Protein backbone atom coordinates (compact mmCIF):
# COMPACT_ATOMS: atom_id res chain seq x y z
CA UNK A 1 -17.64 22.23 8.01
CA UNK A 2 -15.67 19.45 6.75
CA UNK A 3 -17.65 16.97 4.30
CA UNK A 4 -17.42 13.48 3.41
CA UNK A 5 -15.25 12.65 0.44
CA UNK A 6 -16.87 10.84 -2.34
CA UNK A 7 -14.43 7.65 -1.64
CA UNK A 8 -14.48 7.62 2.08
CA UNK A 9 -17.62 5.96 2.62
CA UNK A 10 -18.78 5.50 6.18
CA UNK A 11 -15.81 6.34 8.59
CA UNK A 12 -14.80 7.11 11.87
CA UNK A 13 -13.37 10.54 10.95
CA UNK A 14 -16.73 12.12 9.70
CA UNK A 15 -19.25 10.24 12.39
CA UNK A 16 -16.88 10.87 15.45
CA UNK A 17 -13.64 13.04 15.21
CA UNK A 18 -13.94 16.73 16.33
CA UNK A 19 -14.61 19.12 13.67
CA UNK A 20 -11.15 20.81 13.90
CA UNK A 21 -9.64 17.88 13.46
CA UNK A 22 -11.25 16.46 10.50
CA UNK A 23 -9.20 18.31 7.71
CA UNK A 24 -5.87 17.14 9.15
CA UNK A 25 -7.25 13.49 9.82
CA UNK A 26 -8.46 13.84 5.90
CA UNK A 27 -4.82 14.99 4.55
CA UNK A 28 -3.55 12.22 6.18
CA UNK A 29 -6.02 9.88 4.75
CA UNK A 30 -7.09 8.49 8.27
CA UNK A 31 -10.74 8.74 7.09
CA UNK A 32 -9.60 5.63 4.59
CA UNK A 33 -7.59 3.52 6.53
CA UNK A 34 -7.36 0.82 3.78
CA UNK A 35 -4.51 2.36 2.27
CA UNK A 36 -2.66 2.14 5.76
CA UNK A 37 -3.31 -1.82 5.58
CA UNK A 38 -1.90 -1.81 2.04
CA UNK A 39 1.22 0.03 2.85
CA UNK A 40 1.47 -1.97 6.55
CA UNK A 41 0.87 -5.56 5.22
CA UNK A 42 3.93 -5.93 2.95
CA UNK A 43 6.24 -5.18 5.85
CA UNK A 44 4.35 -7.30 8.57
CA UNK A 45 4.73 -10.12 5.66
CA UNK A 46 8.54 -9.51 5.30
CA UNK A 47 8.91 -10.05 9.01
CA UNK A 48 6.82 -13.28 9.17
CA UNK A 49 8.74 -14.66 6.31
CA UNK A 50 12.14 -13.93 7.80
CA UNK A 51 11.19 -15.68 11.12
CA UNK A 52 10.22 -18.63 8.70
CA UNK A 53 13.44 -18.79 6.96
CA UNK A 54 15.31 -18.01 10.28
CA UNK A 55 13.30 -21.10 11.45
CA UNK A 56 12.78 -18.60 14.61
CA UNK A 57 10.10 -17.87 16.91
CA UNK A 58 9.01 -14.43 17.57
CA UNK A 59 10.92 -12.66 20.25
CA UNK A 60 10.04 -9.45 22.28
CA UNK A 61 12.30 -7.45 19.62
CA UNK A 62 10.12 -9.30 16.68
CA UNK A 63 7.09 -8.26 18.64
CA UNK A 64 8.36 -4.60 18.85
CA UNK A 65 8.79 -4.54 14.80
CA UNK A 66 5.16 -5.53 14.09
CA UNK A 67 4.48 -2.45 16.52
CA UNK A 68 6.96 -0.23 14.92
CA UNK A 69 5.99 -1.02 11.54
CA UNK A 70 2.37 -0.21 12.13
CA UNK A 71 2.93 3.33 13.49
CA UNK A 72 5.34 3.87 10.71
CA UNK A 73 2.85 2.75 8.20
CA UNK A 74 0.47 5.19 9.80
CA UNK A 75 2.88 8.16 9.46
CA UNK A 76 4.51 7.58 6.35
CA UNK A 77 1.32 6.95 4.78
CA UNK A 78 -0.21 10.16 5.96
CA UNK A 79 2.75 11.98 5.06
CA UNK A 80 3.02 10.54 1.37
CA UNK A 81 -0.61 11.48 1.10
CA UNK A 82 0.00 15.13 2.21
CA UNK A 83 2.90 15.51 -0.15
CA UNK A 84 0.99 14.08 -2.98
CA UNK A 85 -1.92 16.49 -2.24
CA UNK A 86 0.47 19.37 -2.27
CA UNK A 87 2.02 18.54 -5.54
CA UNK A 88 -1.73 17.74 -7.12
CA UNK A 89 -3.62 20.49 -5.82
CA UNK A 90 -4.11 21.85 -9.07
CA UNK A 91 -5.11 18.75 -10.95
CA UNK A 92 -7.36 17.63 -7.62
CA UNK A 93 -9.61 20.55 -8.09
CA UNK A 94 -10.49 19.46 -11.48
CA UNK A 95 -11.35 15.59 -10.56
CA UNK A 96 -14.78 15.29 -9.10
CA UNK A 97 -13.38 12.77 -6.68
CA UNK A 98 -10.81 14.84 -5.02
CA UNK A 99 -11.84 18.35 -5.31
CA UNK A 100 -13.03 18.37 -1.77
CA UNK A 101 -9.49 17.01 -0.37
CA UNK A 102 -8.33 19.77 2.19
CA UNK A 103 -5.41 21.03 0.10
CA UNK A 104 -7.27 21.51 -3.18
CA UNK A 105 -10.34 23.13 -1.19
CA UNK A 106 -8.30 25.62 0.62
CA UNK A 107 -8.95 24.06 3.93
CA UNK A 108 -5.56 23.51 4.74
CA UNK A 109 -2.65 25.82 3.05
CA UNK A 110 0.20 24.39 1.56
CA UNK A 111 2.60 25.65 4.37
CA UNK A 112 0.52 24.01 6.75
CA UNK A 113 0.49 20.74 4.78
CA UNK A 114 4.19 20.93 4.78
CA UNK A 115 4.57 21.20 8.71
CA UNK A 116 2.11 18.06 8.68
CA UNK A 117 4.34 16.34 6.50
CA UNK A 118 7.83 17.14 8.07
CA UNK A 119 6.19 16.38 11.44
CA UNK A 120 5.20 12.77 10.53
CA UNK A 121 8.66 12.20 8.72
CA UNK A 122 10.52 13.05 11.76
CA UNK A 123 8.64 10.94 14.13
CA UNK A 124 8.56 8.08 11.69
CA UNK A 125 12.38 8.54 11.48
CA UNK A 126 12.74 8.04 15.01
CA UNK A 127 10.90 4.63 14.67
CA UNK A 128 13.13 3.69 11.75
CA UNK A 129 16.55 4.18 13.83
CA UNK A 130 15.30 1.22 15.75
CA UNK A 131 15.25 -1.47 13.04
CA UNK A 132 19.10 -2.23 12.47
CA UNK A 133 21.65 -0.81 9.81
CA UNK A 134 20.24 -2.51 6.68
CA UNK A 135 16.68 -1.84 7.33
CA UNK A 136 17.80 1.89 8.06
CA UNK A 137 19.86 2.43 4.60
CA UNK A 138 16.38 0.56 2.72
CA UNK A 139 14.15 3.34 4.64
CA UNK A 140 16.55 6.11 3.37
CA UNK A 141 16.58 4.54 -0.11
CA UNK A 142 12.53 4.70 -0.12
CA UNK A 143 12.49 8.63 0.31
CA UNK A 144 13.36 9.06 -3.50
CA UNK A 145 10.61 6.99 -4.48
CA UNK A 146 8.06 8.40 -2.14
CA UNK A 147 9.12 12.03 -3.56
CA UNK A 148 8.93 11.07 -7.17
CA UNK A 149 5.53 9.14 -7.18
CA UNK A 150 3.34 12.14 -7.54
CA UNK A 151 4.91 12.93 -10.87
CA UNK A 152 4.96 9.59 -12.38
CA UNK A 153 1.16 9.78 -13.59
CA UNK A 154 2.50 12.93 -15.84
CA UNK A 155 5.14 10.86 -17.42
CA UNK A 156 4.17 7.43 -17.72
CA UNK A 157 1.27 5.23 -18.23
CA UNK A 158 2.44 3.06 -15.44
CA UNK A 159 2.37 5.09 -12.15
CA UNK A 160 1.12 1.95 -10.69
CA UNK A 161 4.09 0.10 -11.34
CA UNK A 162 6.06 2.91 -9.28
CA UNK A 163 3.49 2.71 -6.30
CA UNK A 164 3.70 -1.02 -6.42
CA UNK A 165 7.66 -0.63 -5.81
CA UNK A 166 7.27 2.00 -3.37
CA UNK A 167 4.14 0.60 -1.42
CA UNK A 168 5.72 -2.80 -0.80
CA UNK A 169 9.10 -1.49 -0.01
CA UNK A 170 8.21 -2.44 3.56
CA UNK A 171 8.54 -6.27 2.85
CA UNK A 172 12.37 -5.52 2.29
CA UNK A 173 12.57 -3.60 5.46
CA UNK A 174 10.68 -6.10 7.68
CA UNK A 175 12.78 -8.70 6.52
CA UNK A 176 15.92 -7.14 6.77
CA UNK A 177 14.93 -5.99 10.19
CA UNK A 178 14.92 -9.31 11.65
CA UNK A 179 17.52 -11.04 9.51
CA UNK A 180 20.08 -7.92 8.73
CA UNK A 181 20.41 -8.73 5.22
CA UNK A 182 17.83 -8.98 1.80
CA UNK A 183 17.79 -12.61 0.60
CA UNK A 184 16.17 -13.84 -2.74
CA UNK A 185 13.13 -14.62 -0.71
CA UNK A 186 12.53 -11.23 0.60
CA UNK A 187 13.10 -9.69 -3.13
CA UNK A 188 10.55 -12.09 -4.47
CA UNK A 189 8.07 -11.17 -1.86
CA UNK A 190 8.59 -7.54 -2.68
CA UNK A 191 8.06 -8.15 -6.18
CA UNK A 192 4.84 -10.24 -5.87
CA UNK A 193 3.59 -7.02 -3.89
CA UNK A 194 4.66 -4.83 -6.72
CA UNK A 195 2.27 -6.99 -9.32
CA UNK A 196 -0.46 -6.70 -6.51
CA UNK A 197 -0.19 -3.16 -6.33
CA UNK A 198 -0.30 -2.99 -10.35
CA UNK A 199 -3.58 -4.87 -10.13
CA UNK A 200 -5.29 -3.21 -7.07
CA UNK A 201 -4.41 0.17 -8.19
CA UNK A 202 -5.54 -0.45 -11.62
CA UNK A 203 -8.96 -1.32 -10.10
CA UNK A 204 -8.79 1.95 -8.11
CA UNK A 205 -7.73 3.99 -10.98
CA UNK A 206 -11.12 3.04 -12.97
CA UNK A 207 -13.01 5.48 -10.59
CA UNK A 208 -11.03 8.36 -12.19
CA UNK A 209 -10.71 7.11 -16.03
CA UNK A 210 -13.13 10.03 -17.68
CA UNK A 211 -11.87 12.91 -15.47
CA UNK A 212 -8.22 11.72 -15.77
CA UNK A 213 -8.40 11.78 -19.70
CA UNK A 214 -9.72 15.49 -19.53
CA UNK A 215 -6.94 16.49 -17.60
CA UNK A 216 -4.21 14.35 -18.92
CA UNK A 217 -3.41 12.04 -15.98
CA UNK A 218 -1.92 8.64 -17.29
CA UNK A 219 -2.89 5.50 -15.58
CA UNK A 220 -2.54 1.67 -16.19
CA UNK A 221 -6.32 1.55 -16.51
CA UNK A 222 -6.37 4.39 -19.09
CA UNK A 223 -3.49 2.39 -20.72
CA UNK A 224 -5.07 -0.96 -20.62
CA UNK A 225 -8.62 0.29 -22.01
CA UNK A 226 -10.84 -2.53 -22.78
CA UNK A 227 -8.48 -5.01 -21.71
CA UNK A 228 -7.95 -4.02 -17.97
CA UNK A 229 -10.04 -7.26 -16.83
CA UNK A 230 -7.31 -9.37 -18.65
CA UNK A 231 -4.28 -7.00 -17.35
CA UNK A 232 -5.60 -6.81 -13.96
CA UNK A 233 -5.64 -11.04 -14.05
CA UNK A 234 -2.60 -11.48 -15.23
CA UNK A 235 -0.85 -8.93 -12.80
CA UNK A 236 -2.40 -10.76 -9.84
CA UNK A 237 -1.49 -14.25 -11.38
CA UNK A 238 2.27 -12.79 -11.23
CA UNK A 239 1.66 -11.54 -7.70
CA UNK A 240 0.80 -15.26 -6.63
CA UNK A 241 3.67 -17.03 -8.61
CA UNK A 242 6.25 -14.64 -6.86
CA UNK A 243 4.80 -15.07 -3.52
CA UNK A 244 4.86 -18.63 -3.96
CA UNK A 245 8.45 -18.60 -5.08
CA UNK A 246 9.31 -16.54 -1.99
CA UNK A 247 7.82 -19.47 0.08
CA UNK A 248 9.76 -21.89 -1.51
CA UNK A 249 13.01 -19.84 -1.28
CA UNK A 250 12.37 -19.43 2.57
CA UNK A 251 11.47 -23.22 2.79
CA UNK A 252 8.03 -22.75 4.00
CA UNK A 253 5.94 -25.80 3.99
CA UNK A 254 2.52 -26.86 3.11
CA UNK A 255 0.21 -24.73 5.37
CA UNK A 256 1.56 -21.49 3.76
CA UNK A 257 0.51 -22.97 0.13
CA UNK A 258 -2.51 -23.67 1.39
CA UNK A 259 -2.99 -20.14 2.44
CA UNK A 260 -1.73 -18.84 -0.60
CA UNK A 261 -4.11 -20.64 -2.71
CA UNK A 262 -7.28 -19.15 -0.67
CA UNK A 263 -5.41 -15.66 -1.49
CA UNK A 264 -5.26 -16.73 -5.10
CA UNK A 265 -9.09 -17.35 -5.35
CA UNK A 266 -9.68 -14.09 -3.34
CA UNK A 267 -7.76 -12.11 -6.24
CA UNK A 268 -9.60 -14.74 -8.81
CA UNK A 269 -13.04 -13.44 -7.42
CA UNK A 270 -11.76 -9.70 -7.70
CA UNK A 271 -11.38 -10.30 -11.35
CA UNK A 272 -14.57 -12.20 -12.04
CA UNK A 273 -16.59 -9.52 -10.21
CA UNK A 274 -15.03 -6.56 -11.96
CA UNK A 275 -16.68 -4.15 -14.40
CA UNK A 276 -14.50 -1.51 -16.00
CA UNK A 277 -17.48 0.98 -16.14
CA UNK A 278 -18.77 0.58 -12.40
CA UNK A 279 -16.60 2.97 -10.27
CA UNK A 280 -18.47 2.21 -7.02
CA UNK A 281 -17.79 -1.65 -7.67
CA UNK A 282 -14.12 -0.86 -8.48
CA UNK A 283 -13.88 1.00 -4.91
CA UNK A 284 -15.52 -2.07 -3.12
CA UNK A 285 -12.88 -4.57 -4.92
CA UNK A 286 -9.86 -2.18 -4.34
CA UNK A 287 -10.77 -2.03 -0.90
CA UNK A 288 -11.01 -5.94 -0.53
CA UNK A 289 -7.18 -5.96 -0.79
CA UNK A 290 -7.01 -5.44 2.69
CA UNK A 291 -8.36 -8.97 3.02
CA UNK A 292 -6.02 -10.49 0.41
CA UNK A 293 -3.08 -8.98 2.11
CA UNK A 294 -4.11 -10.31 5.58
CA UNK A 295 -4.94 -13.82 3.78
CA UNK A 296 -1.32 -13.88 2.61
CA UNK A 297 0.15 -12.55 6.06
CA UNK A 298 -1.75 -15.57 7.70
CA UNK A 299 -0.18 -18.15 5.22
CA UNK A 300 3.28 -16.63 5.59
CA UNK A 301 2.62 -16.93 9.35
CA UNK A 302 1.27 -20.45 9.28
CA UNK A 303 4.41 -21.44 7.21
CA UNK A 304 6.71 -19.99 9.42
CA UNK A 305 5.33 -21.64 12.44
CA UNK A 306 5.24 -25.21 10.87
CA UNK A 307 8.92 -24.76 10.42
CA UNK A 308 9.82 -23.01 13.55
CA UNK A 309 8.30 -25.79 16.12
């Protein structure tokens, strides 16, 4: 029988999914949907920013883009997590939080996990083909970053930076899917997302800081040590600055900046609450970044609407 994983909390997979499905849903992290949101929201933000820069109201194709990115985020996050579990299965067995994962615990074999990865990737590829040439090229460009991520924690103290570049690539793709190009506004939005991920994934890594030290896994949480709160504050500050500059570059108006101020307050609240020695609190603060991303999306949408009508 599949048992709840330590960082999953109350979730629909453990509560309602058929028993035979649970290991597969957990392999794709569907028991922890916050990761889907964190991968999806930069793409939606990129679409909204492009509409604002183009001074255009959404048409049917734009509405399809929001749907396509949602499905694609679910599939690619599932494939990426499964790939990460295959690569990290020996490390995962030594870390309390990850020892029960399906591959590490033997519920799913490595060959079965590869079938899952390929299937999710193929369906996502078919969706990618609907997004236009520039977005398609960007999608292919992201594959190397996705493949390299599981190895970053072995070679650098900054794997969270690599994750940020990868997880926020959708901002560039979403923007390009609407406009057919990547402008400075899109790059600034992506860069802001990189800093945002640096902050929230540093918070997430606080849960494993002792186990990571024992098995030799590197992270920004370990690298920053006692200065982790200052580091997260600087990352979040840079994220807000870059997002603001993206709004300026796209010509967004006052509603965007009011929403961005609310987002900044939310991130400041996270830093204020953060306690480096409280892993449970770190997980709650990490999960609250879904709300931070939604606030920024609402801010961009409000700014886009204000210049479109």
